[in-house]
Amino acid sequence: MTNYVNDAAKTAFLFPGQGSQFVGMGRDFLEQSDDARRLMRLAEEISGFPLARLCLEGPMEELTRTLHLQPAMTVLNLICLQAVRQAGINAAFFAGHSLGEYSALAAAGVLSPEDTLRLVTERGRLMERESAAHPGAMSAILKLTIDQVREIVAAAATKGVVVAANHNSEMQVVISGDAAGVEAAAALAGQQGGKAVALPVSGAWHSPLVAGAVPDFARVMEQTIFHAPQGEIMFNVTAATETDPVAIRAIMSRQIAAMVKWHDTILAMHRQGVTTFIEVGPKNVLTGLLKKILPKGHGCLCLQVEDAASLKACLETVQR
């Protein structure tokens, strides 16, 4: 292990969730690192799925199944986190987008890696169960604010179930619900100058249609030890920090069906002095959102690590 090379007090680790997966993710680290392979074996033992094969070979439709994807994405995030820390980079702030929040809990020491992987495996099972029982859809609404989208979903509620699910940036809000509700809201958004983009998802995440998973998942979490965080973790549900393990457990039990307040989370971190944001995990979805959320002239570093090349680039940047 090397000494820390960055200013951890001003650094945040951000973890992606569902939607950032690709076949071949993690190949570099899995080929080069015994520690990465150990984490992958742990995830396979806990989940019961051939996660290494799914991540490296696919097929994409099997990797993307919520049941498989939640432990697969989480172990990849943890493998990337391990590589980042072994390179000497650390952080005092943590957040994850939806599923990615479990990686943030692990990074902040709230959950052990074993419990993190156990919880996301059960979360994936329950969410796949609910999406099969209550099929739904999600669309990204562009060019409209959260307040405009809230008015639209309220007006569309007569046509079906629809809610604002992810407040990703000032002008990107994801809506979620049944097909009729989402279509009605998308049409209204178009009439108001917005643009609706249907998302390739297998369920109506962060909506009442998956709320049936909440009590069952809460029971599983009751048997899981939550610790006080080491550092500041910002939560999707509240866009605020919390240190009490009992309160954290309650927040996380609501998260499946609650709105992801990502826009407010990033702004809160910026206000608290974060100047380096590192997306730890596959693709750069969150890095792209950062550039839309942070104020003009913010002067922050927005970096991402998913393989040996991006880790090298990140290390060179934070050492400057």
Foldseek 3Di string as FASTA:
>chain_A
DDAAQFDQAQEEEEEEAQPQADAQFPVFLCVPDPVLVVLQVLLCVLLVDNLVCCNHPNPPVVCNQLLNVLLNQLSLLVSLVVVLVVLRHHHQEYEYFQSRRLSRLCNQVFAPSNVSSNLSNLVSVLQSVLCVVFPKWKKKKFPAAPVVLQVLLVVLVVQFFKDFAERLAGGITMMFGHPRSRVSSQVVSVVVVIHIGTDPHSHRWLAPSSLVSLVVSLVVCVPGGTAFTRHFYQYQQPLHTDGDSVVVSVSVSNSRNHHGHNLSNLVVSLVSNHQEYEHRGGDCPSLVSNVRRDDPPSNGHRAYDRHDVSSVVVSVVSND
